[in-house]
Amino acid sequence: MSLAAQDPVVRVGVTVTFLRMDQPPTDPAPRFPDGFVVKRDRWCSVADYRFLYREVGDAYVWWLRRVMPDNQLAAMLRDPRVSIYILREQGQPAGFYELDRTPWPVVNLSYFGLMPQAIGRRLGFPFLRHAVDAAWGMGPRAVTVNTCTADHPRALPGYLRAGFMPLREVREEWNVPLRLNMPIPDALRL
């Protein structure tokens, strides 16, 4: 599934904040409530990844991986520098994150989020710390992440609380294909 030139789109304007952490946190990571566990999915399929990406990101205009062709997404998922971790509650997915070591010696937290049913249950910060600790466990020089004004309103404050420091902000305009049928807030439409 690729973005064809003739696809009708909705124009979206966001401000992207790029953040970096140069030292691992020194405080202990918060615990998850009982019944939650995070595990790396070493064999994440394209279908499973698309499900996670859509469920977590649909409300936040996560669209780029939805238009990525299956063969490209499969190659990314097989790349040993890319790691997918899934938060589960009683075996059911509640969120995921993706770590990318491609820009080594930096690890990028490419995607991070909770599924709608997990939001508001005090899971975000423990899950973020799990991601940060997993990234630092890979031995990088720094960990990076970015967020934008389309993301959950607690995303940026959460990253700052975890110890990320803002580097810069960039205004971007996206052409989101209408065929994705995404709920795009009026405030983001251009």
C-alpha atoms as a PDB file:
ATOM      1  CA  MET A   1       0.000   0.000   0.000  1.00  0.00           C
ATOM      2  CA  SER A   2       1.774   3.147  -1.152  1.00  0.00           C
ATOM      3  CA  LEU A   3       0.798   6.768  -1.430  1.00  0.00           C
ATOM      4  CA  ALA A   4      -0.215   7.329  -5.029  1.00  0.00           C
ATOM      5  CA  ALA A   5       0.052  10.820  -6.517  1.00  0.00           C
ATOM      6  CA  GLN A   6      -3.678  10.828  -7.269  1.00  0.00           C
ATOM      7  CA  ASP A   7      -4.781   9.906  -3.726  1.00  0.00           C
ATOM      8  CA  PRO A   8      -7.019  12.597  -2.243  1.00  0.00           C
ATOM      9  CA  VAL A   9      -5.479  13.914   0.965  1.00  0.00           C
ATOM     10  CA  VAL A  10      -6.243  16.089   3.935  1.00  0.00           C
ATOM     11  CA  ARG A  11      -3.517  18.595   4.745  1.00  0.00           C
ATOM     12  CA  VAL A  12      -2.409  18.509   8.357  1.00  0.00           C
ATOM     13  CA  GLY A  13      -0.119  20.967  10.134  1.00  0.00           C
ATOM     14  CA  VAL A  14       1.869  19.911  13.207  1.00  0.00           C
ATOM     15  CA  THR A  15       4.775  21.146  15.263  1.00  0.00           C
ATOM     16  CA  VAL A  16       7.307  18.374  15.853  1.00  0.00           C
ATOM     17  CA  THR A  17       9.523  18.509  18.939  1.00  0.00           C
ATOM     18  CA  PHE A  18      12.801  16.585  18.737  1.00  0.00           C
ATOM     19  CA  LEU A  19      14.220  15.425  22.088  1.00  0.00           C
ATOM     20  CA  ARG A  20      17.388  13.731  23.289  1.00  0.00           C
ATOM     21  CA  MET A  21      18.614  12.060  26.470  1.00  0.00           C
ATOM     22  CA  ASP A  22      22.384  11.918  27.009  1.00  0.00           C
ATOM     23  CA  GLN A  23      22.452   9.993  30.307  1.00  0.00           C
ATOM     24  CA  PRO A  24      20.286   7.137  31.572  1.00  0.00           C
ATOM     25  CA  PRO A  25      17.896   7.886  34.438  1.00  0.00           C
ATOM     26  CA  THR A  26      19.291   7.232  37.895  1.00  0.00           C
ATOM     27  CA  ASP A  27      15.985   6.904  39.764  1.00  0.00           C
ATOM     28  CA  PRO A  28      14.305   3.502  39.988  1.00  0.00           C
ATOM     29  CA  ALA A  29      11.736   2.704  37.322  1.00  0.00           C
ATOM     30  CA  PRO A  30       8.123   2.679  38.499  1.00  0.00           C
ATOM     31  CA  ARG A  31       6.406  -0.694  38.673  1.00  0.00           C
ATOM     32  CA  PHE A  32       3.532  -1.782  36.490  1.00  0.00           C
ATOM     33  CA  PRO A  33       0.230  -2.691  38.091  1.00  0.00           C
ATOM     34  CA  ASP A  34      -0.342  -6.423  38.526  1.00  0.00           C
ATOM     35  CA  GLY A  35      -1.279  -8.250  35.357  1.00  0.00           C
ATOM     36  CA  PHE A  36       0.911  -6.177  32.998  1.00  0.00           C
ATOM     37  CA  VAL A  37       4.091  -7.372  31.323  1.00  0.00           C
ATOM     38  CA  VAL A  38       6.311  -6.035  28.514  1.00  0.00           C
ATOM     39  CA  LYS A  39       8.074  -8.419  26.151  1.00  0.00           C
ATOM     40  CA  ARG A  40      10.056  -8.001  22.981  1.00  0.00           C
ATOM     41  CA  ASP A  41       8.337  -9.492  19.940  1.00  0.00           C
ATOM     42  CA  ARG A  42      11.275 -10.819  17.925  1.00  0.00           C
ATOM     43  CA  TRP A  43       9.019 -12.148  15.170  1.00  0.00           C
ATOM     44  CA  CYS A  44       6.424  -9.381  14.847  1.00  0.00           C
ATOM     45  CA  SER A  45       4.488  -9.942  11.630  1.00  0.00           C
ATOM     46  CA  VAL A  46       3.387  -7.207   9.263  1.00  0.00           C
ATOM     47  CA  ALA A  47      -0.259  -7.884  10.188  1.00  0.00           C
ATOM     48  CA  ASP A  48       0.459  -7.708  13.934  1.00  0.00           C
ATOM     49  CA  TYR A  49       2.515  -4.541  13.529  1.00  0.00           C
ATOM     50  CA  ARG A  50      -0.208  -2.883  11.452  1.00  0.00           C
ATOM     51  CA  PHE A  51      -2.773  -3.796  14.127  1.00  0.00           C
ATOM     52  CA  LEU A  52      -0.641  -2.302  16.926  1.00  0.00           C
ATOM     53  CA  TYR A  53       0.217   0.815  14.918  1.00  0.00           C
ATOM     54  CA  ARG A  54      -3.407   1.451  13.952  1.00  0.00           C
ATOM     55  CA  GLU A  55      -4.858   0.786  17.411  1.00  0.00           C
ATOM     56  CA  VAL A  56      -2.305   2.944  19.222  1.00  0.00           C
ATOM     57  CA  GLY A  57      -1.879   5.699  16.655  1.00  0.00           C
ATOM     58  CA  ASP A  58      -5.173   6.168  14.847  1.00  0.00           C
ATOM     59  CA  ALA A  59      -6.319   8.980  17.147  1.00  0.00           C
ATOM     60  CA  TYR A  60      -2.915  10.695  16.836  1.00  0.00           C
ATOM     61  CA  VAL A  61      -2.569  10.773  13.050  1.00  0.00           C
ATOM     62  CA  TRP A  62       0.050   8.009  12.854  1.00  0.00           C
ATOM     63  CA  TRP A  63      -0.160   7.468   9.145  1.00  0.00           C
ATOM     64  CA  LEU A  64       3.320   6.931   7.654  1.00  0.00           C
ATOM     65  CA  ARG A  65       3.602   3.217   8.417  1.00  0.00           C
ATOM     66  CA  ARG A  66       0.013   2.679   7.243  1.00  0.00           C
ATOM     67  CA  VAL A  67       1.018   3.654   3.697  1.00  0.00           C
ATOM     68  CA  MET A  68       4.357   1.802   3.794  1.00  0.00           C
ATOM     69  CA  PRO A  69       4.265  -1.177   1.402  1.00  0.00           C
ATOM     70  CA  ASP A  70       4.144  -4.591   3.093  1.00  0.00           C
ATOM     71  CA  ASN A  71       7.532  -5.658   1.695  1.00  0.00           C
ATOM     72  CA  GLN A  72       9.237  -2.543   3.116  1.00  0.00           C
ATOM     73  CA  LEU A  73       7.540  -2.974   6.479  1.00  0.00           C
ATOM     74  CA  ALA A  74       8.521  -6.660   6.557  1.00  0.00           C
ATOM     75  CA  ALA A  75      12.145  -5.753   5.807  1.00  0.00           C
ATOM     76  CA  MET A  76      12.110  -3.192   8.622  1.00  0.00           C
ATOM     77  CA  LEU A  77      10.663  -5.725  11.061  1.00  0.00           C
ATOM     78  CA  ARG A  78      13.388  -8.254  10.107  1.00  0.00           C
ATOM     79  CA  ASP A  79      16.175  -5.691  10.571  1.00  0.00           C
ATOM     80  CA  PRO A  80      18.082  -6.708  13.730  1.00  0.00           C
ATOM     81  CA  ARG A  81      18.546  -3.017  14.561  1.00  0.00           C
ATOM     82  CA  VAL A  82      14.782  -2.576  15.030  1.00  0.00           C
ATOM     83  CA  SER A  83      13.067  -3.953  18.138  1.00  0.00           C
ATOM     84  CA  ILE A  84       9.334  -4.115  18.868  1.00  0.00           C
ATOM     85  CA  TYR A  85       8.135  -4.387  22.479  1.00  0.00           C
ATOM     86  CA  ILE A  86       4.526  -5.051  23.419  1.00  0.00           C
ATOM     87  CA  LEU A  87       2.801  -4.201  26.698  1.00  0.00           C
ATOM     88  CA  ARG A  88       0.247  -6.890  27.527  1.00  0.00           C
ATOM     89  CA  GLU A  89      -2.492  -7.132  30.092  1.00  0.00           C
ATOM     90  CA  GLN A  90      -3.521 -10.711  30.787  1.00  0.00           C
ATOM     91  CA  GLY A  91      -1.993 -11.639  27.409  1.00  0.00           C
ATOM     92  CA  GLN A  92      -3.835  -8.962  25.407  1.00  0.00           C
ATOM     93  CA  PRO A  93      -1.937  -6.053  23.781  1.00  0.00           C
ATOM     94  CA  ALA A  94      -2.226  -2.757  25.658  1.00  0.00           C
ATOM     95  CA  GLY A  95       0.520  -0.766  23.891  1.00  0.00           C
ATOM     96  CA  PHE A  96       3.808  -1.005  22.044  1.00  0.00           C
ATOM     97  CA  TYR A  97       7.054   0.763  21.395  1.00  0.00           C
ATOM     98  CA  GLU A  98       9.707   0.523  18.713  1.00  0.00           C
ATOM     99  CA  LEU A  99      13.428   1.067  19.237  1.00  0.00           C
ATOM    100  CA  ASP A 100      15.659   1.759  16.235  1.00  0.00           C
ATOM    101  CA  ARG A 101      19.444   1.365  16.434  1.00  0.00           C
ATOM    102  CA  THR A 102      19.930   2.381  12.784  1.00  0.00           C
ATOM    103  CA  PRO A 103      21.356   5.795  13.757  1.00  0.00           C
ATOM    104  CA  TRP A 104      23.930   4.103  16.050  1.00  0.00           C
ATOM    105  CA  PRO A 105      25.488   5.102  18.441  1.00  0.00           C
ATOM    106  CA  VAL A 106      22.062   6.658  19.088  1.00  0.00           C
ATOM    107  CA  VAL A 107      18.906   4.639  19.758  1.00  0.00           C
ATOM    108  CA  ASN A 108      15.694   6.262  18.578  1.00  0.00           C
ATOM    109  CA  LEU A 109      12.367   5.590  20.262  1.00  0.00           C
ATOM    110  CA  SER A 110      10.530   5.612  16.925  1.00  0.00           C
ATOM    111  CA  TYR A 111       7.022   4.873  18.184  1.00  0.00           C
ATOM    112  CA  PHE A 112       5.552   4.648  21.661  1.00  0.00           C
ATOM    113  CA  GLY A 113       1.973   4.507  22.837  1.00  0.00           C
ATOM    114  CA  LEU A 114      -0.898   2.851  24.599  1.00  0.00           C
ATOM    115  CA  MET A 115      -4.075   1.420  23.164  1.00  0.00           C
ATOM    116  CA  PRO A 116      -7.232   3.404  23.968  1.00  0.00           C
ATOM    117  CA  GLN A 117      -8.377   0.977  26.681  1.00  0.00           C
ATOM    118  CA  ALA A 118      -5.040   1.385  28.513  1.00  0.00           C
ATOM    119  CA  ILE A 119      -4.994   5.205  28.574  1.00  0.00           C
ATOM    120  CA  GLY A 120      -5.797   6.804  31.913  1.00  0.00           C
ATOM    121  CA  ARG A 121      -4.736   3.760  33.936  1.00  0.00           C
ATOM    122  CA  ARG A 122      -1.358   5.132  35.090  1.00  0.00           C
ATOM    123  CA  LEU A 123       0.570   2.926  32.665  1.00  0.00           C
ATOM    124  CA  GLY A 124       2.161   5.587  30.470  1.00  0.00           C
ATOM    125  CA  PHE A 125       5.122   6.532  32.638  1.00  0.00           C
ATOM    126  CA  PRO A 126       6.076   2.989  33.731  1.00  0.00           C
ATOM    127  CA  PHE A 127       5.838   1.916  30.083  1.00  0.00           C
ATOM    128  CA  LEU A 128       7.920   4.892  28.929  1.00  0.00           C
ATOM    129  CA  ARG A 129      10.571   4.135  31.543  1.00  0.00           C
ATOM    130  CA  HIS A 130      10.630   0.540  30.312  1.00  0.00           C
ATOM    131  CA  ALA A 131      11.317   1.866  26.806  1.00  0.00           C
ATOM    132  CA  VAL A 132      14.000   4.259  28.037  1.00  0.00           C
ATOM    133  CA  ASP A 133      15.680   1.566  30.131  1.00  0.00           C
ATOM    134  CA  ALA A 134      15.559  -0.929  27.239  1.00  0.00           C
ATOM    135  CA  ALA A 135      17.129   1.667  24.932  1.00  0.00           C
ATOM    136  CA  TRP A 136      19.916   2.428  27.404  1.00  0.00           C
ATOM    137  CA  GLY A 137      20.428  -1.303  27.899  1.00  0.00           C
ATOM    138  CA  MET A 138      21.616  -1.435  24.277  1.00  0.00           C
ATOM    139  CA  GLY A 139      24.653   0.682  25.201  1.00  0.00           C
ATOM    140  CA  PRO A 140      24.095   3.827  23.107  1.00  0.00           C
ATOM    141  CA  ARG A 141      25.665   7.229  23.489  1.00  0.00           C
ATOM    142  CA  ALA A 142      22.183   8.853  23.527  1.00  0.00           C
ATOM    143  CA  VAL A 143      18.485   8.100  23.162  1.00  0.00           C
ATOM    144  CA  THR A 144      16.226  10.243  20.975  1.00  0.00           C
ATOM    145  CA  VAL A 145      12.503  10.612  20.434  1.00  0.00           C
ATOM    146  CA  ASN A 146      10.189  13.071  18.778  1.00  0.00           C
ATOM    147  CA  THR A 147       6.594  13.989  19.377  1.00  0.00           C
ATOM    148  CA  CYS A 148       4.186  16.375  17.731  1.00  0.00           C
ATOM    149  CA  THR A 149       1.087  18.410  18.393  1.00  0.00           C
ATOM    150  CA  ALA A 150      -1.045  15.570  16.991  1.00  0.00           C
ATOM    151  CA  ASP A 151       0.135  13.201  19.760  1.00  0.00           C
ATOM    152  CA  HIS A 152      -1.552  12.678  23.113  1.00  0.00           C
ATOM    153  CA  PRO A 153      -1.340  15.899  25.167  1.00  0.00           C
ATOM    154  CA  ARG A 154       0.657  14.093  27.882  1.00  0.00           C
ATOM    155  CA  ALA A 155       3.301  12.823  25.420  1.00  0.00           C
ATOM    156  CA  LEU A 156       5.671  15.788  25.602  1.00  0.00           C
ATOM    157  CA  PRO A 157       5.344  16.253  29.385  1.00  0.00           C
ATOM    158  CA  GLY A 158       5.976  12.519  29.802  1.00  0.00           C
ATOM    159  CA  TYR A 159       9.144  12.633  27.725  1.00  0.00           C
ATOM    160  CA  LEU A 160      10.386  15.633  29.696  1.00  0.00           C
ATOM    161  CA  ARG A 161       9.600  13.893  32.999  1.00  0.00           C
ATOM    162  CA  ALA A 162      11.546  10.834  31.818  1.00  0.00           C
ATOM    163  CA  GLY A 163      14.634  13.015  31.282  1.00  0.00           C
ATOM    164  CA  PHE A 164      14.535  13.908  27.587  1.00  0.00           C
ATOM    165  CA  MET A 165      15.617  17.441  26.698  1.00  0.00           C
ATOM    166  CA  PRO A 166      14.134  19.338  23.749  1.00  0.00           C
ATOM    167  CA  LEU A 167      16.557  20.047  20.900  1.00  0.00           C
ATOM    168  CA  ARG A 168      14.385  21.859  18.391  1.00  0.00           C
ATOM    169  CA  GLU A 169      10.878  22.332  17.031  1.00  0.00           C
ATOM    170  CA  VAL A 170       9.967  22.068  13.377  1.00  0.00           C
ATOM    171  CA  ARG A 171       6.685  22.945  11.704  1.00  0.00           C
ATOM    172  CA  GLU A 172       5.597  20.216   9.257  1.00  0.00           C
ATOM    173  CA  GLU A 173       2.736  19.814   6.812  1.00  0.00           C
ATOM    174  CA  TRP A 174       1.514  16.314   6.065  1.00  0.00           C
ATOM    175  CA  ASN A 175      -0.665  15.082   3.227  1.00  0.00           C
ATOM    176  CA  VAL A 176      -2.636  12.322   4.953  1.00  0.00           C
ATOM    177  CA  PRO A 177      -4.512  10.081   2.490  1.00  0.00           C
ATOM    178  CA  LEU A 178      -8.272  10.262   2.972  1.00  0.00           C
ATOM    179  CA  ARG A 179      -8.514   6.513   2.278  1.00  0.00           C
ATOM    180  CA  LEU A 180      -6.984   5.896   5.714  1.00  0.00           C
ATOM    181  CA  ASN A 181     -10.215   7.254   7.215  1.00  0.00           C
ATOM    182  CA  MET A 182      -8.376   8.730  10.185  1.00  0.00           C
ATOM    183  CA  PRO A 183     -10.048  11.017  12.713  1.00  0.00           C
ATOM    184  CA  ILE A 184      -8.159  14.281  12.186  1.00  0.00           C
ATOM    185  CA  PRO A 185      -8.951  17.075  14.639  1.00  0.00           C
ATOM    186  CA  ASP A 186     -10.105  20.322  13.046  1.00  0.00           C
ATOM    187  CA  ALA A 187      -7.316  22.201  14.850  1.00  0.00           C
ATOM    188  CA  LEU A 188      -4.708  20.282  12.794  1.00  0.00           C
ATOM    189  CA  ARG A 189      -6.375  20.678   9.400  1.00  0.00           C
ATOM    190  CA  LEU A 190      -4.876  23.265   7.055  1.00  0.00           C
END
